[in-house]
Amino acid sequence: MTKEEIFATVKEIAAEELDIDEAKIVPDVKIKEDLEADSLDVFEIMNELEDKFDIELDVEDGAETINDVVELVAKQLAAKED
């Protein structure tokens, strides 16, 4: 799976969880500061991604931006393939 495909999924899930327009979700946007997500929102997004990709994500890994989340998912998917 490409990072573009992962980004599309992250974008869709984040927009749905935060009830915002997908256009606001770009790679460098900060989840908490720019999208005004709280810890529960971040937890829900990560949970959805874990279910969608069948992976384990550690919220404590410092995912500040959407791109950070994409990188975390890509890393976990790569590890799963090994």
C-alpha atoms as a PDB file:
ATOM      1  CA  MET A   1       0.000   0.000   0.000  1.00  0.00           C
ATOM      2  CA  THR A   2       1.371   3.405  -0.954  1.00  0.00           C
ATOM      3  CA  LYS A   3       1.638   6.377   1.391  1.00  0.00           C
ATOM      4  CA  GLU A   4      -0.871   8.176  -0.840  1.00  0.00           C
ATOM      5  CA  GLU A   5      -3.399   5.382  -0.243  1.00  0.00           C
ATOM      6  CA  ILE A   6      -2.702   5.452   3.488  1.00  0.00           C
ATOM      7  CA  PHE A   7      -3.090   9.252   3.510  1.00  0.00           C
ATOM      8  CA  ALA A   8      -6.461   8.974   1.747  1.00  0.00           C
ATOM      9  CA  THR A   9      -7.691   6.554   4.407  1.00  0.00           C
ATOM     10  CA  VAL A  10      -6.312   8.621   7.301  1.00  0.00           C
ATOM     11  CA  LYS A  11      -7.915  11.727   5.797  1.00  0.00           C
ATOM     12  CA  GLU A  12     -11.301  10.025   5.449  1.00  0.00           C
ATOM     13  CA  ILE A  13     -11.261   8.628   8.994  1.00  0.00           C
ATOM     14  CA  ALA A  14     -10.024  11.879  10.570  1.00  0.00           C
ATOM     15  CA  ALA A  15     -12.640  13.948   8.732  1.00  0.00           C
ATOM     16  CA  GLU A  16     -15.390  11.607   9.884  1.00  0.00           C
ATOM     17  CA  GLU A  17     -14.198  11.443  13.510  1.00  0.00           C
ATOM     18  CA  LEU A  18     -13.674  15.202  13.779  1.00  0.00           C
ATOM     19  CA  ASP A  19     -16.750  16.060  11.689  1.00  0.00           C
ATOM     20  CA  ILE A  20     -14.782  18.406   9.418  1.00  0.00           C
ATOM     21  CA  ASP A  21     -14.286  18.859   5.686  1.00  0.00           C
ATOM     22  CA  GLU A  22     -11.639  16.537   4.207  1.00  0.00           C
ATOM     23  CA  ALA A  23     -10.126  19.570   2.434  1.00  0.00           C
ATOM     24  CA  LYS A  24      -8.837  20.805   5.826  1.00  0.00           C
ATOM     25  CA  ILE A  25      -6.811  17.635   6.267  1.00  0.00           C
ATOM     26  CA  VAL A  26      -3.431  18.031   4.604  1.00  0.00           C
ATOM     27  CA  PRO A  27      -0.174  16.212   5.485  1.00  0.00           C
ATOM     28  CA  ASP A  28       1.369  19.012   7.578  1.00  0.00           C
ATOM     29  CA  VAL A  29      -1.737  19.953   9.556  1.00  0.00           C
ATOM     30  CA  LYS A  30      -1.343  19.513  13.325  1.00  0.00           C
ATOM     31  CA  ILE A  31      -4.043  17.249  14.683  1.00  0.00           C
ATOM     32  CA  LYS A  32      -4.520  18.830  18.093  1.00  0.00           C
ATOM     33  CA  GLU A  33      -3.629  22.467  17.405  1.00  0.00           C
ATOM     34  CA  ASP A  34      -4.938  22.984  13.867  1.00  0.00           C
ATOM     35  CA  LEU A  35      -7.835  20.528  13.807  1.00  0.00           C
ATOM     36  CA  GLU A  36      -8.743  21.149  17.462  1.00  0.00           C
ATOM     37  CA  ALA A  37      -8.805  17.427  18.259  1.00  0.00           C
ATOM     38  CA  ASP A  38      -8.671  16.374  21.894  1.00  0.00           C
ATOM     39  CA  SER A  39      -7.042  13.221  23.256  1.00  0.00           C
ATOM     40  CA  LEU A  40     -10.226  11.210  22.839  1.00  0.00           C
ATOM     41  CA  ASP A  41     -10.484  12.272  19.188  1.00  0.00           C
ATOM     42  CA  VAL A  42      -6.894  11.156  18.578  1.00  0.00           C
ATOM     43  CA  PHE A  43      -7.593   7.859  20.343  1.00  0.00           C
ATOM     44  CA  GLU A  44     -10.686   7.266  18.188  1.00  0.00           C
ATOM     45  CA  ILE A  45      -8.801   8.039  14.972  1.00  0.00           C
ATOM     46  CA  MET A  46      -5.970   5.677  15.932  1.00  0.00           C
ATOM     47  CA  ASN A  47      -8.481   2.992  16.931  1.00  0.00           C
ATOM     48  CA  GLU A  48     -10.238   3.236  13.565  1.00  0.00           C
ATOM     49  CA  LEU A  49      -6.901   3.001  11.753  1.00  0.00           C
ATOM     50  CA  GLU A  50      -5.902  -0.052  13.790  1.00  0.00           C
ATOM     51  CA  ASP A  51      -9.163  -1.762  12.842  1.00  0.00           C
ATOM     52  CA  LYS A  52      -8.961  -0.722   9.188  1.00  0.00           C
ATOM     53  CA  PHE A  53      -5.357  -1.861   8.656  1.00  0.00           C
ATOM     54  CA  ASP A  54      -5.266  -4.654  11.286  1.00  0.00           C
ATOM     55  CA  ILE A  55      -2.226  -3.139  13.007  1.00  0.00           C
ATOM     56  CA  GLU A  56      -1.214  -1.848  16.456  1.00  0.00           C
ATOM     57  CA  LEU A  57      -0.469   1.867  16.859  1.00  0.00           C
ATOM     58  CA  ASP A  58       1.074   3.536  19.878  1.00  0.00           C
ATOM     59  CA  VAL A  59      -0.536   6.935  20.417  1.00  0.00           C
ATOM     60  CA  GLU A  60       2.511   7.890  22.487  1.00  0.00           C
ATOM     61  CA  ASP A  61       4.722   7.712  19.368  1.00  0.00           C
ATOM     62  CA  GLY A  62       4.396  11.473  18.942  1.00  0.00           C
ATOM     63  CA  ALA A  63       2.014  11.747  16.028  1.00  0.00           C
ATOM     64  CA  GLU A  64       1.522  15.518  15.891  1.00  0.00           C
ATOM     65  CA  THR A  65       0.634  15.895  12.220  1.00  0.00           C
ATOM     66  CA  ILE A  66      -1.425  13.888   9.759  1.00  0.00           C
ATOM     67  CA  ASN A  67       1.816  12.979   7.999  1.00  0.00           C
ATOM     68  CA  ASP A  68       3.176  11.569  11.289  1.00  0.00           C
ATOM     69  CA  VAL A  69       0.139   9.294  11.450  1.00  0.00           C
ATOM     70  CA  VAL A  70       0.643   8.211   7.822  1.00  0.00           C
ATOM     71  CA  GLU A  71       4.291   7.378   8.606  1.00  0.00           C
ATOM     72  CA  LEU A  72       3.288   5.371  11.704  1.00  0.00           C
ATOM     73  CA  VAL A  73       0.747   3.368   9.720  1.00  0.00           C
ATOM     74  CA  ALA A  74       3.218   2.776   6.874  1.00  0.00           C
ATOM     75  CA  LYS A  75       5.863   1.596   9.367  1.00  0.00           C
ATOM     76  CA  GLN A  76       3.437  -0.828  11.022  1.00  0.00           C
ATOM     77  CA  LEU A  77       2.218  -2.166   7.684  1.00  0.00           C
ATOM     78  CA  ALA A  78       5.817  -2.734   6.565  1.00  0.00           C
ATOM     79  CA  ALA A  79       6.620  -4.547   9.815  1.00  0.00           C
ATOM     80  CA  LYS A  80       3.532  -6.707   9.387  1.00  0.00           C
ATOM     81  CA  GLU A  81       4.659  -7.777   5.918  1.00  0.00           C
ATOM     82  CA  ASP A  82       8.053  -8.982   7.181  1.00  0.00           C
END
